[in-house]
Amino acid sequence: MTLATSEEPLTLVAPHQYPRVIKLFLAIILCGVTYGVYLIPPYYQAMKRMHLAQMAYQQEHYQQAATIYLTRLQQYPNFKSARLGAAEALFSYHDEESCQQALKLLESIEFDLKEYTRLKR
């Protein structure tokens, strides 16, 4: 093994280049992650409000719980747990008008046995 002298030129190794497909795949992943991070704050706020509504319902503040649930439904019309929570709170009023409103909320969704049992209470 000898050291290079000034008479021998040094051979440089070409820098490694990733294939274009890998670069494209990385760009798609970064775009997806960035979009996901962009969407987190509104859904996080919605889930915090849903937790407040659940707490209000458990403390028997049915009107406050129904108001919070119905507000979430205005923002996210397909939010199934908000529909179920609002219906549950409205059924707790024990008057015909509220029960009709709750049934109208439940018309457009399918729910399983656990959710049915929750509403049956």
PDB file of N, CA and C in Angstrom:
ATOM      1  N   MET A   1       0.850  -1.168   0.000  1.00  0.00           N
ATOM      2  CA  MET A   1       0.000   0.000   0.000  1.00  0.00           C
ATOM      3  C   MET A   1       0.900   1.236   0.000  1.00  0.00           C
ATOM      4  N   THR A   2       0.710   2.039  -1.001  1.00  0.00           N
ATOM      5  CA  THR A   2       1.539   3.233  -1.108  1.00  0.00           C
ATOM      6  C   THR A   2       0.656   4.456  -1.113  1.00  0.00           C
ATOM      7  N   LEU A   3       1.212   5.515  -0.656  1.00  0.00           N
ATOM      8  CA  LEU A   3       0.480   6.773  -0.649  1.00  0.00           C
ATOM      9  C   LEU A   3       0.601   7.435  -2.008  1.00  0.00           C
ATOM     10  N   ALA A   4      -0.427   8.191  -2.369  1.00  0.00           N
ATOM     11  CA  ALA A   4      -0.391   8.880  -3.666  1.00  0.00           C
ATOM     12  C   ALA A   4       0.639   9.989  -3.610  1.00  0.00           C
ATOM     13  N   THR A   5       1.402  10.069  -4.658  1.00  0.00           N
ATOM     14  CA  THR A   5       2.387  11.146  -4.734  1.00  0.00           C
ATOM     15  C   THR A   5       1.830  12.231  -5.632  1.00  0.00           C
ATOM     16  N   SER A   6       2.533  13.311  -5.688  1.00  0.00           N
ATOM     17  CA  SER A   6       2.070  14.426  -6.502  1.00  0.00           C
ATOM     18  C   SER A   6       2.059  14.066  -7.978  1.00  0.00           C
ATOM     19  N   GLU A   7       2.811  13.031  -8.351  1.00  0.00           N
ATOM     20  CA  GLU A   7       2.840  12.618  -9.745  1.00  0.00           C
ATOM     21  C   GLU A   7       1.595  11.824 -10.124  1.00  0.00           C
ATOM     22  N   GLU A   8       0.968  11.119  -9.159  1.00  0.00           N
ATOM     23  CA  GLU A   8      -0.222  10.318  -9.441  1.00  0.00           C
ATOM     24  C   GLU A   8      -1.475  11.144  -9.141  1.00  0.00           C
ATOM     25  N   PRO A   9      -2.356  11.269 -10.118  1.00  0.00           N
ATOM     26  CA  PRO A   9      -3.579  12.035  -9.855  1.00  0.00           C
ATOM     27  C   PRO A   9      -4.528  11.223  -8.958  1.00  0.00           C
ATOM     28  N   LEU A  10      -5.226  11.929  -8.114  1.00  0.00           N
ATOM     29  CA  LEU A  10      -6.213  11.277  -7.247  1.00  0.00           C
ATOM     30  C   LEU A  10      -7.485  11.023  -8.057  1.00  0.00           C
ATOM     31  N   THR A  11      -8.045   9.857  -7.877  1.00  0.00           N
ATOM     32  CA  THR A  11      -9.313   9.572  -8.545  1.00  0.00           C
ATOM     33  C   THR A  11     -10.437   9.838  -7.555  1.00  0.00           C
ATOM     34  N   LEU A  12     -11.343  10.694  -7.931  1.00  0.00           N
ATOM     35  CA  LEU A  12     -12.468  11.026  -7.068  1.00  0.00           C
ATOM     36  C   LEU A  12     -13.635  10.108  -7.380  1.00  0.00           C
ATOM     37  N   VAL A  13     -14.307   9.704  -6.340  1.00  0.00           N
ATOM     38  CA  VAL A  13     -15.486   8.871  -6.508  1.00  0.00           C
ATOM     39  C   VAL A  13     -16.666   9.794  -6.769  1.00  0.00           C
ATOM     40  N   ALA A  14     -17.460   9.471  -7.770  1.00  0.00           N
ATOM     41  CA  ALA A  14     -18.621  10.302  -8.100  1.00  0.00           C
ATOM     42  C   ALA A  14     -19.628  10.232  -6.953  1.00  0.00           C
ATOM     43  N   PRO A  15     -20.248  11.349  -6.627  1.00  0.00           N
ATOM     44  CA  PRO A  15     -21.253  11.322  -5.557  1.00  0.00           C
ATOM     45  C   PRO A  15     -22.418  10.414  -5.963  1.00  0.00           C
ATOM     46  N   HIS A  16     -22.978   9.795  -4.963  1.00  0.00           N
ATOM     47  CA  HIS A  16     -24.076   8.865  -5.215  1.00  0.00           C
ATOM     48  C   HIS A  16     -25.340   9.635  -5.592  1.00  0.00           C
ATOM     49  N   GLN A  17     -26.036   9.205  -6.587  1.00  0.00           N
ATOM     50  CA  GLN A  17     -27.294   9.803  -7.018  1.00  0.00           C
ATOM     51  C   GLN A  17     -28.414   8.776  -6.846  1.00  0.00           C
ATOM     52  N   TYR A  18     -29.469   9.180  -6.145  1.00  0.00           N
ATOM     53  CA  TYR A  18     -30.616   8.297  -6.008  1.00  0.00           C
ATOM     54  C   TYR A  18     -31.403   8.296  -7.323  1.00  0.00           C
ATOM     55  N   PRO A  19     -32.012   7.190  -7.654  1.00  0.00           N
ATOM     56  CA  PRO A  19     -32.826   7.151  -8.871  1.00  0.00           C
ATOM     57  C   PRO A  19     -34.018   8.107  -8.765  1.00  0.00           C
ATOM     58  N   ARG A  20     -34.493   8.585  -9.900  1.00  0.00           N
ATOM     59  CA  ARG A  20     -35.601   9.558  -9.924  1.00  0.00           C
ATOM     60  C   ARG A  20     -36.861   8.992  -9.277  1.00  0.00           C
ATOM     61  N   VAL A  21     -37.095   7.700  -9.432  1.00  0.00           N
ATOM     62  CA  VAL A  21     -38.288   7.084  -8.854  1.00  0.00           C
ATOM     63  C   VAL A  21     -38.271   7.213  -7.336  1.00  0.00           C
ATOM     64  N   ILE A  22     -37.124   7.010  -6.736  1.00  0.00           N
ATOM     65  CA  ILE A  22     -37.019   7.133  -5.272  1.00  0.00           C
ATOM     66  C   ILE A  22     -37.213   8.582  -4.850  1.00  0.00           C
ATOM     67  N   LYS A  23     -36.662   9.520  -5.595  1.00  0.00           N
ATOM     68  CA  LYS A  23     -36.851  10.947  -5.282  1.00  0.00           C
ATOM     69  C   LYS A  23     -38.323  11.331  -5.401  1.00  0.00           C
ATOM     70  N   LEU A  24     -38.999  10.837  -6.430  1.00  0.00           N
ATOM     71  CA  LEU A  24     -40.426  11.113  -6.611  1.00  0.00           C
ATOM     72  C   LEU A  24     -41.232  10.515  -5.470  1.00  0.00           C
ATOM     73  N   PHE A  25     -40.921   9.288  -5.089  1.00  0.00           N
ATOM     74  CA  PHE A  25     -41.606   8.627  -3.985  1.00  0.00           C
ATOM     75  C   PHE A  25     -41.422   9.416  -2.689  1.00  0.00           C
ATOM     76  N   LEU A  26     -40.215   9.899  -2.435  1.00  0.00           N
ATOM     77  CA  LEU A  26     -39.933  10.706  -1.250  1.00  0.00           C
ATOM     78  C   LEU A  26     -40.736  12.009  -1.279  1.00  0.00           C
ATOM     79  N   ALA A  27     -40.826  12.644  -2.444  1.00  0.00           N
ATOM     80  CA  ALA A  27     -41.592  13.882  -2.570  1.00  0.00           C
ATOM     81  C   ALA A  27     -43.071  13.648  -2.280  1.00  0.00           C
ATOM     82  N   ILE A  28     -43.610  12.522  -2.762  1.00  0.00           N
ATOM     83  CA  ILE A  28     -45.017  12.194  -2.501  1.00  0.00           C
ATOM     84  C   ILE A  28     -45.248  11.953  -1.016  1.00  0.00           C
ATOM     85  N   ILE A  29     -44.346  11.241  -0.382  1.00  0.00           N
ATOM     86  CA  ILE A  29     -44.466  10.989   1.058  1.00  0.00           C
ATOM     87  C   ILE A  29     -44.400  12.299   1.837  1.00  0.00           C
ATOM     88  N   LEU A  30     -43.475  13.178   1.496  1.00  0.00           N
ATOM     89  CA  LEU A  30     -43.364  14.464   2.189  1.00  0.00           C
ATOM     90  C   LEU A  30     -44.612  15.313   2.003  1.00  0.00           C
ATOM     91  N   CYS A  31     -45.178  15.301   0.806  1.00  0.00           N
ATOM     92  CA  CYS A  31     -46.425  16.036   0.569  1.00  0.00           C
ATOM     93  C   CYS A  31     -47.562  15.469   1.419  1.00  0.00           C
ATOM     94  N   GLY A  32     -47.642  14.152   1.500  1.00  0.00           N
ATOM     95  CA  GLY A  32     -48.682  13.524   2.310  1.00  0.00           C
ATOM     96  C   GLY A  32     -48.546  13.839   3.784  1.00  0.00           C
ATOM     97  N   VAL A  33     -47.332  13.807   4.291  1.00  0.00           N
ATOM     98  CA  VAL A  33     -47.089  14.119   5.698  1.00  0.00           C
ATOM     99  C   VAL A  33     -47.419  15.591   5.973  1.00  0.00           C
ATOM    100  N   THR A  34     -47.009  16.473   5.072  1.00  0.00           N
ATOM    101  CA  THR A  34     -47.287  17.900   5.249  1.00  0.00           C
ATOM    102  C   THR A  34     -48.790  18.156   5.253  1.00  0.00           C
ATOM    103  N   TYR A  35     -49.522  17.525   4.342  1.00  0.00           N
ATOM    104  CA  TYR A  35     -50.973  17.688   4.291  1.00  0.00           C
ATOM    105  C   TYR A  35     -51.621  17.147   5.563  1.00  0.00           C
ATOM    106  N   GLY A  36     -51.134  16.017   6.058  1.00  0.00           N
ATOM    107  CA  GLY A  36     -51.663  15.453   7.294  1.00  0.00           C
ATOM    108  C   GLY A  36     -51.450  16.372   8.482  1.00  0.00           C
ATOM    109  N   VAL A  37     -50.285  16.964   8.561  1.00  0.00           N
ATOM    110  CA  VAL A  37     -49.992  17.907   9.652  1.00  0.00           C
ATOM    111  C   VAL A  37     -50.882  19.149   9.526  1.00  0.00           C
ATOM    112  N   TYR A  38     -51.156  19.547   8.302  1.00  0.00           N
ATOM    113  CA  TYR A  38     -52.035  20.696   8.060  1.00  0.00           C
ATOM    114  C   TYR A  38     -53.459  20.418   8.549  1.00  0.00           C
ATOM    115  N   LEU A  39     -53.915  19.173   8.448  1.00  0.00           N
ATOM    116  CA  LEU A  39     -55.282  18.825   8.834  1.00  0.00           C
ATOM    117  C   LEU A  39     -55.462  18.567  10.329  1.00  0.00           C
ATOM    118  N   ILE A  40     -54.411  18.360  11.056  1.00  0.00           N
ATOM    119  CA  ILE A  40     -54.523  17.991  12.466  1.00  0.00           C
ATOM    120  C   ILE A  40     -55.237  19.044  13.321  1.00  0.00           C
ATOM    121  N   PRO A  41     -54.901  20.329  13.267  1.00  0.00           N
ATOM    122  CA  PRO A  41     -55.512  21.280  14.201  1.00  0.00           C
ATOM    123  C   PRO A  41     -57.040  21.324  14.205  1.00  0.00           C
ATOM    124  N   PRO A  42     -57.740  21.382  13.060  1.00  0.00           N
ATOM    125  CA  PRO A  42     -59.196  21.424  13.158  1.00  0.00           C
ATOM    126  C   PRO A  42     -59.794  20.160  13.770  1.00  0.00           C
ATOM    127  N   TYR A  43     -59.253  19.000  13.421  1.00  0.00           N
ATOM    128  CA  TYR A  43     -59.787  17.766  13.978  1.00  0.00           C
ATOM    129  C   TYR A  43     -59.445  17.627  15.456  1.00  0.00           C
ATOM    130  N   TYR A  44     -58.300  18.130  15.848  1.00  0.00           N
ATOM    131  CA  TYR A  44     -57.926  18.110  17.264  1.00  0.00           C
ATOM    132  C   TYR A  44     -58.893  18.971  18.077  1.00  0.00           C
ATOM    133  N   GLN A  45     -59.211  20.156  17.552  1.00  0.00           N
ATOM    134  CA  GLN A  45     -60.170  21.036  18.240  1.00  0.00           C
ATOM    135  C   GLN A  45     -61.542  20.373  18.315  1.00  0.00           C
ATOM    136  N   ALA A  46     -61.950  19.721  17.238  1.00  0.00           N
ATOM    137  CA  ALA A  46     -63.247  19.038  17.235  1.00  0.00           C
ATOM    138  C   ALA A  46     -63.282  17.933  18.293  1.00  0.00           C
ATOM    139  N   MET A  47     -62.197  17.192  18.416  1.00  0.00           N
ATOM    140  CA  MET A  47     -62.169  16.118  19.412  1.00  0.00           C
ATOM    141  C   MET A  47     -62.158  16.671  20.839  1.00  0.00           C
ATOM    142  N   LYS A  48     -61.504  17.813  21.038  1.00  0.00           N
ATOM    143  CA  LYS A  48     -61.548  18.441  22.363  1.00  0.00           C
ATOM    144  C   LYS A  48     -62.982  18.843  22.707  1.00  0.00           C
ATOM    145  N   ARG A  49     -63.695  19.397  21.730  1.00  0.00           N
ATOM    146  CA  ARG A  49     -65.087  19.788  21.947  1.00  0.00           C
ATOM    147  C   ARG A  49     -65.969  18.568  22.202  1.00  0.00           C
ATOM    148  N   MET A  50     -65.691  17.481  21.501  1.00  0.00           N
ATOM    149  CA  MET A  50     -66.462  16.255  21.723  1.00  0.00           C
ATOM    150  C   MET A  50     -66.257  15.747  23.147  1.00  0.00           C
ATOM    151  N   HIS A  51     -65.048  15.854  23.630  1.00  0.00           N
ATOM    152  CA  HIS A  51     -64.774  15.442  25.012  1.00  0.00           C
ATOM    153  C   HIS A  51     -65.546  16.336  25.989  1.00  0.00           C
ATOM    154  N   LEU A  52     -65.583  17.645  25.716  1.00  0.00           N
ATOM    155  CA  LEU A  52     -66.364  18.554  26.573  1.00  0.00           C
ATOM    156  C   LEU A  52     -67.839  18.184  26.556  1.00  0.00           C
ATOM    157  N   ALA A  53     -68.348  17.829  25.392  1.00  0.00           N
ATOM    158  CA  ALA A  53     -69.752  17.437  25.284  1.00  0.00           C
ATOM    159  C   ALA A  53     -70.010  16.157  26.085  1.00  0.00           C
ATOM    160  N   GLN A  54     -69.101  15.203  26.009  1.00  0.00           N
ATOM    161  CA  GLN A  54     -69.257  13.964  26.775  1.00  0.00           C
ATOM    162  C   GLN A  54     -69.251  14.245  28.269  1.00  0.00           C
ATOM    163  N   MET A  55     -68.360  15.132  28.688  1.00  0.00           N
ATOM    164  CA  MET A  55     -68.307  15.491  30.117  1.00  0.00           C
ATOM    165  C   MET A  55     -69.599  16.183  30.549  1.00  0.00           C
ATOM    166  N   ALA A  56     -70.104  17.082  29.715  1.00  0.00           N
ATOM    167  CA  ALA A  56     -71.361  17.769  30.037  1.00  0.00           C
ATOM    168  C   ALA A  56     -72.505  16.767  30.141  1.00  0.00           C
ATOM    169  N   TYR A  57     -72.543  15.810  29.243  1.00  0.00           N
ATOM    170  CA  TYR A  57     -73.607  14.792  29.289  1.00  0.00           C
ATOM    171  C   TYR A  57     -73.496  13.957  30.563  1.00  0.00           C
ATOM    172  N   GLN A  58     -72.294  13.564  30.924  1.00  0.00           N
ATOM    173  CA  GLN A  58     -72.105  12.749  32.123  1.00  0.00           C
ATOM    174  C   GLN A  58     -72.492  13.513  33.382  1.00  0.00           C
ATOM    175  N   GLN A  59     -72.357  14.837  33.343  1.00  0.00           N
ATOM    176  CA  GLN A  59     -72.737  15.661  34.490  1.00  0.00           C
ATOM    177  C   GLN A  59     -74.200  16.104  34.414  1.00  0.00           C
ATOM    178  N   GLU A  60     -74.934  15.494  33.463  1.00  0.00           N
ATOM    179  CA  GLU A  60     -76.358  15.744  33.257  1.00  0.00           C
ATOM    180  C   GLU A  60     -76.676  17.171  32.815  1.00  0.00           C
ATOM    181  N   HIS A  61     -75.743  17.809  32.130  1.00  0.00           N
ATOM    182  CA  HIS A  61     -75.983  19.111  31.493  1.00  0.00           C
ATOM    183  C   HIS A  61     -76.346  18.827  30.036  1.00  0.00           C
ATOM    184  N   TYR A  62     -77.559  18.316  29.846  1.00  0.00           N
ATOM    185  CA  TYR A  62     -77.949  17.799  28.540  1.00  0.00           C
ATOM    186  C   TYR A  62     -78.041  18.883  27.470  1.00  0.00           C
ATOM    187  N   GLN A  63     -78.533  20.049  27.835  1.00  0.00           N
ATOM    188  CA  GLN A  63     -78.662  21.118  26.835  1.00  0.00           C
ATOM    189  C   GLN A  63     -77.287  21.567  26.349  1.00  0.00           C
ATOM    190  N   GLN A  64     -76.347  21.729  27.265  1.00  0.00           N
ATOM    191  CA  GLN A  64     -74.987  22.117  26.878  1.00  0.00           C
ATOM    192  C   GLN A  64     -74.360  21.042  25.990  1.00  0.00           C
ATOM    193  N   ALA A  65     -74.534  19.775  26.349  1.00  0.00           N
ATOM    194  CA  ALA A  65     -73.984  18.679  25.554  1.00  0.00           C
ATOM    195  C   ALA A  65     -74.600  18.664  24.158  1.00  0.00           C
ATOM    196  N   ALA A  66     -75.920  18.818  24.089  1.00  0.00           N
ATOM    197  CA  ALA A  66     -76.588  18.809  22.779  1.00  0.00           C
ATOM    198  C   ALA A  66     -76.116  19.973  21.921  1.00  0.00           C
ATOM    199  N   THR A  67     -75.932  21.131  22.517  1.00  0.00           N
ATOM    200  CA  THR A  67     -75.465  22.303  21.769  1.00  0.00           C
ATOM    201  C   THR A  67     -74.076  22.065  21.190  1.00  0.00           C
ATOM    202  N   ILE A  68     -73.182  21.510  21.982  1.00  0.00           N
ATOM    203  CA  ILE A  68     -71.819  21.243  21.508  1.00  0.00           C
ATOM    204  C   ILE A  68     -71.839  20.200  20.395  1.00  0.00           C
ATOM    205  N   TYR A  69     -72.603  19.130  20.592  1.00  0.00           N
ATOM    206  CA  TYR A  69     -72.686  18.092  19.563  1.00  0.00           C
ATOM    207  C   TYR A  69     -73.260  18.647  18.263  1.00  0.00           C
ATOM    208  N   LEU A  70     -74.318  19.442  18.358  1.00  0.00           N
ATOM    209  CA  LEU A  70     -74.942  19.983  17.151  1.00  0.00           C
ATOM    210  C   LEU A  70     -74.025  20.978  16.447  1.00  0.00           C
ATOM    211  N   THR A  71     -73.217  21.695  17.201  1.00  0.00           N
ATOM    212  CA  THR A  71     -72.237  22.591  16.587  1.00  0.00           C
ATOM    213  C   THR A  71     -71.192  21.790  15.816  1.00  0.00           C
ATOM    214  N   ARG A  72     -70.744  20.667  16.377  1.00  0.00           N
ATOM    215  CA  ARG A  72     -69.792  19.811  15.666  1.00  0.00           C
ATOM    216  C   ARG A  72     -70.423  19.266  14.380  1.00  0.00           C
ATOM    217  N   LEU A  73     -71.714  18.955  14.452  1.00  0.00           N
ATOM    218  CA  LEU A  73     -72.387  18.442  13.261  1.00  0.00           C
ATOM    219  C   LEU A  73     -72.503  19.487  12.163  1.00  0.00           C
ATOM    220  N   GLN A  74     -72.598  20.747  12.540  1.00  0.00           N
ATOM    221  CA  GLN A  74     -72.629  21.805  11.526  1.00  0.00           C
ATOM    222  C   GLN A  74     -71.284  21.880  10.805  1.00  0.00           C
ATOM    223  N   GLN A  75     -70.204  21.698  11.542  1.00  0.00           N
ATOM    224  CA  GLN A  75     -68.873  21.750  10.932  1.00  0.00           C
ATOM    225  C   GLN A  75     -68.538  20.460  10.183  1.00  0.00           C
ATOM    226  N   TYR A  76     -68.909  19.327  10.752  1.00  0.00           N
ATOM    227  CA  TYR A  76     -68.584  18.015  10.186  1.00  0.00           C
ATOM    228  C   TYR A  76     -69.868  17.193  10.111  1.00  0.00           C
ATOM    229  N   PRO A  77     -70.654  17.354   9.055  1.00  0.00           N
ATOM    230  CA  PRO A  77     -71.972  16.706   8.972  1.00  0.00           C
ATOM    231  C   PRO A  77     -71.946  15.178   9.035  1.00  0.00           C
ATOM    232  N   ASN A  78     -70.854  14.547   8.682  1.00  0.00           N
ATOM    233  CA  ASN A  78     -70.783  13.085   8.690  1.00  0.00           C
ATOM    234  C   ASN A  78     -70.137  12.523   9.956  1.00  0.00           C
ATOM    235  N   PHE A  79     -70.025  13.314  10.981  1.00  0.00           N
ATOM    236  CA  PHE A  79     -69.372  12.922  12.233  1.00  0.00           C
ATOM    237  C   PHE A  79     -70.342  12.032  13.026  1.00  0.00           C
ATOM    238  N   LYS A  80     -70.166  10.725  12.898  1.00  0.00           N
ATOM    239  CA  LYS A  80     -71.106   9.766  13.475  1.00  0.00           C
ATOM    240  C   LYS A  80     -71.206   9.877  14.996  1.00  0.00           C
ATOM    241  N   SER A  81     -70.082  10.012  15.675  1.00  0.00           N
ATOM    242  CA  SER A  81     -70.138  10.069  17.141  1.00  0.00           C
ATOM    243  C   SER A  81     -70.830  11.348  17.611  1.00  0.00           C
ATOM    244  N   ALA A  82     -70.740  12.427  16.843  1.00  0.00           N
ATOM    245  CA  ALA A  82     -71.462  13.651  17.197  1.00  0.00           C
ATOM    246  C   ALA A  82     -72.964  13.448  17.019  1.00  0.00           C
ATOM    247  N   ARG A  83     -73.356  12.733  15.967  1.00  0.00           N
ATOM    248  CA  ARG A  83     -74.783  12.436  15.757  1.00  0.00           C
ATOM    249  C   ARG A  83     -75.334  11.595  16.912  1.00  0.00           C
ATOM    250  N   LEU A  84     -74.583  10.558  17.283  1.00  0.00           N
ATOM    251  CA  LEU A  84     -75.034   9.701  18.378  1.00  0.00           C
ATOM    252  C   LEU A  84     -75.099  10.459  19.702  1.00  0.00           C
ATOM    253  N   GLY A  85     -74.086  11.268  19.964  1.00  0.00           N
ATOM    254  CA  GLY A  85     -74.076  12.044  21.200  1.00  0.00           C
ATOM    255  C   GLY A  85     -75.204  13.051  21.252  1.00  0.00           C
ATOM    256  N   ALA A  86     -75.446  13.737  20.136  1.00  0.00           N
ATOM    257  CA  ALA A  86     -76.538  14.717  20.092  1.00  0.00           C
ATOM    258  C   ALA A  86     -77.875  14.021  20.299  1.00  0.00           C
ATOM    259  N   ALA A  87     -78.065  12.872  19.653  1.00  0.00           N
ATOM    260  CA  ALA A  87     -79.314  12.131  19.821  1.00  0.00           C
ATOM    261  C   ALA A  87     -79.485  11.677  21.265  1.00  0.00           C
ATOM    262  N   GLU A  88     -78.412  11.203  21.847  1.00  0.00           N
ATOM    263  CA  GLU A  88     -78.461  10.750  23.243  1.00  0.00           C
ATOM    264  C   GLU A  88     -78.846  11.904  24.170  1.00  0.00           C
ATOM    265  N   ALA A  89     -78.238  13.067  23.954  1.00  0.00           N
ATOM    266  CA  ALA A  89     -78.557  14.238  24.780  1.00  0.00           C
ATOM    267  C   ALA A  89     -79.997  14.701  24.544  1.00  0.00           C
ATOM    268  N   LEU A  90     -80.442  14.675  23.293  1.00  0.00           N
ATOM    269  CA  LEU A  90     -81.813  15.102  22.994  1.00  0.00           C
ATOM    270  C   LEU A  90     -82.840  14.141  23.574  1.00  0.00           C
ATOM    271  N   PHE A  91     -82.552  12.845  23.541  1.00  0.00           N
ATOM    272  CA  PHE A  91     -83.465  11.872  24.158  1.00  0.00           C
ATOM    273  C   PHE A  91     -83.571  12.109  25.665  1.00  0.00           C
ATOM    274  N   SER A  92     -82.531  12.662  26.266  1.00  0.00           N
ATOM    275  CA  SER A  92     -82.526  12.890  27.711  1.00  0.00           C
ATOM    276  C   SER A  92     -83.446  14.034  28.129  1.00  0.00           C
ATOM    277  N   TYR A  93     -83.900  14.848  27.177  1.00  0.00           N
ATOM    278  CA  TYR A  93     -84.844  15.923  27.497  1.00  0.00           C
ATOM    279  C   TYR A  93     -86.210  15.364  27.869  1.00  0.00           C
ATOM    280  N   HIS A  94     -86.539  14.177  27.356  1.00  0.00           N
ATOM    281  CA  HIS A  94     -87.818  13.498  27.625  1.00  0.00           C
ATOM    282  C   HIS A  94     -89.029  14.295  27.157  1.00  0.00           C
ATOM    283  N   ASP A  95     -88.895  15.024  26.066  1.00  0.00           N
ATOM    284  CA  ASP A  95     -90.077  15.643  25.462  1.00  0.00           C
ATOM    285  C   ASP A  95     -90.171  15.216  23.999  1.00  0.00           C
ATOM    286  N   GLU A  96     -91.368  15.295  23.459  1.00  0.00           N
ATOM    287  CA  GLU A  96     -91.622  14.741  22.129  1.00  0.00           C
ATOM    288  C   GLU A  96     -90.837  15.454  21.032  1.00  0.00           C
ATOM    289  N   GLU A  97     -90.752  16.766  21.100  1.00  0.00           N
ATOM    290  CA  GLU A  97     -90.053  17.529  20.064  1.00  0.00           C
ATOM    291  C   GLU A  97     -88.570  17.158  19.997  1.00  0.00           C
ATOM    292  N   SER A  98     -87.933  17.055  21.156  1.00  0.00           N
ATOM    293  CA  SER A  98     -86.517  16.689  21.196  1.00  0.00           C
ATOM    294  C   SER A  98     -86.305  15.266  20.701  1.00  0.00           C
ATOM    295  N   CYS A  99     -87.212  14.372  21.057  1.00  0.00           N
ATOM    296  CA  CYS A  99     -87.094  12.985  20.599  1.00  0.00           C
ATOM    297  C   CYS A  99     -87.255  12.906  19.079  1.00  0.00           C
ATOM    298  N   GLN A 100     -88.169  13.708  18.522  1.00  0.00           N
ATOM    299  CA  GLN A 100     -88.325  13.734  17.063  1.00  0.00           C
ATOM    300  C   GLN A 100     -87.052  14.243  16.392  1.00  0.00           C
ATOM    301  N   GLN A 101     -86.446  15.271  16.974  1.00  0.00           N
ATOM    302  CA  GLN A 101     -85.196  15.819  16.434  1.00  0.00           C
ATOM    303  C   GLN A 101     -84.083  14.768  16.516  1.00  0.00           C
ATOM    304  N   ALA A 102     -84.038  14.044  17.615  1.00  0.00           N
ATOM    305  CA  ALA A 102     -83.021  12.993  17.773  1.00  0.00           C
ATOM    306  C   ALA A 102     -83.227  11.884  16.741  1.00  0.00           C
ATOM    307  N   LEU A 103     -84.463  11.480  16.527  1.00  0.00           N
ATOM    308  CA  LEU A 103     -84.734  10.445  15.536  1.00  0.00           C
ATOM    309  C   LEU A 103     -84.363  10.904  14.128  1.00  0.00           C
ATOM    310  N   LYS A 104     -84.561  12.189  13.854  1.00  0.00           N
ATOM    311  CA  LYS A 104     -84.182  12.732  12.547  1.00  0.00           C
ATOM    312  C   LYS A 104     -82.662  12.665  12.357  1.00  0.00           C
ATOM    313  N   LEU A 105     -81.914  12.904  13.429  1.00  0.00           N
ATOM    314  CA  LEU A 105     -80.447  12.795  13.351  1.00  0.00           C
ATOM    315  C   LEU A 105     -80.003  11.363  13.079  1.00  0.00           C
ATOM    316  N   LEU A 106     -80.747  10.403  13.609  1.00  0.00           N
ATOM    317  CA  LEU A 106     -80.350   9.004  13.494  1.00  0.00           C
ATOM    318  C   LEU A 106     -80.826   8.337  12.208  1.00  0.00           C
ATOM    319  N   GLU A 107     -81.691   9.007  11.454  1.00  0.00           N
ATOM    320  CA  GLU A 107     -82.243   8.418  10.229  1.00  0.00           C
ATOM    321  C   GLU A 107     -81.178   7.975   9.241  1.00  0.00           C
ATOM    322  N   SER A 108     -80.184   8.791   9.053  1.00  0.00           N
ATOM    323  CA  SER A 108     -79.249   8.581   7.945  1.00  0.00           C
ATOM    324  C   SER A 108     -78.015   7.748   8.293  1.00  0.00           C
ATOM    325  N   ILE A 109     -77.951   7.192   9.497  1.00  0.00           N
ATOM    326  CA  ILE A 109     -76.755   6.424   9.855  1.00  0.00           C
ATOM    327  C   ILE A 109     -77.120   5.001  10.261  1.00  0.00           C
ATOM    328  N   GLU A 110     -76.142   4.139  10.145  1.00  0.00           N
ATOM    329  CA  GLU A 110     -76.261   2.770  10.635  1.00  0.00           C
ATOM    330  C   GLU A 110     -75.388   2.651  11.875  1.00  0.00           C
ATOM    331  N   PHE A 111     -75.885   1.950  12.868  1.00  0.00           N
ATOM    332  CA  PHE A 111     -75.064   1.772  14.062  1.00  0.00           C
ATOM    333  C   PHE A 111     -75.128   0.335  14.516  1.00  0.00           C
ATOM    334  N   ASP A 112     -74.106  -0.047  15.277  1.00  0.00           N
ATOM    335  CA  ASP A 112     -73.989  -1.430  15.726  1.00  0.00           C
ATOM    336  C   ASP A 112     -74.695  -1.625  17.063  1.00  0.00           C
ATOM    337  N   LEU A 113     -74.608  -2.831  17.593  1.00  0.00           N
ATOM    338  CA  LEU A 113     -75.308  -3.193  18.821  1.00  0.00           C
ATOM    339  C   LEU A 113     -74.840  -2.341  20.007  1.00  0.00           C
ATOM    340  N   LYS A 114     -73.549  -2.074  20.077  1.00  0.00           N
ATOM    341  CA  LYS A 114     -73.014  -1.273  21.186  1.00  0.00           C
ATOM    342  C   LYS A 114     -73.605   0.137  21.157  1.00  0.00           C
ATOM    343  N   GLU A 115     -73.663   0.724  19.982  1.00  0.00           N
ATOM    344  CA  GLU A 115     -74.219   2.079  19.859  1.00  0.00           C
ATOM    345  C   GLU A 115     -75.728   2.071  20.125  1.00  0.00           C
ATOM    346  N   TYR A 116     -76.408   1.023  19.683  1.00  0.00           N
ATOM    347  CA  TYR A 116     -77.848   0.900  19.936  1.00  0.00           C
ATOM    348  C   TYR A 116     -78.111   0.783  21.443  1.00  0.00           C
ATOM    349  N   THR A 117     -77.301   0.008  22.120  1.00  0.00           N
ATOM    350  CA  THR A 117     -77.445  -0.161  23.566  1.00  0.00           C
ATOM    351  C   THR A 117     -77.208   1.162  24.280  1.00  0.00           C
ATOM    352  N   ARG A 118     -76.250   1.917  23.798  1.00  0.00           N
ATOM    353  CA  ARG A 118     -75.955   3.236  24.370  1.00  0.00           C
ATOM    354  C   ARG A 118     -77.165   4.155  24.235  1.00  0.00           C
ATOM    355  N   LEU A 119     -77.831   4.129  23.091  1.00  0.00           N
ATOM    356  CA  LEU A 119     -78.991   4.980  22.881  1.00  0.00           C
ATOM    357  C   LEU A 119     -80.217   4.474  23.639  1.00  0.00           C
ATOM    358  N   LYS A 120     -80.281   3.190  23.857  1.00  0.00           N
ATOM    359  CA  LYS A 120     -81.443   2.584  24.509  1.00  0.00           C
ATOM    360  C   LYS A 120     -81.529   2.953  25.987  1.00  0.00           C
ATOM    361  N   ARG A 121     -80.393   3.287  26.580  1.00  0.00           N
ATOM    362  CA  ARG A 121     -80.392   3.627  28.012  1.00  0.00           C
ATOM    363  C   ARG A 121     -81.297   4.757  28.210  1.00  0.00           C
TER     364      ARG A 121
END
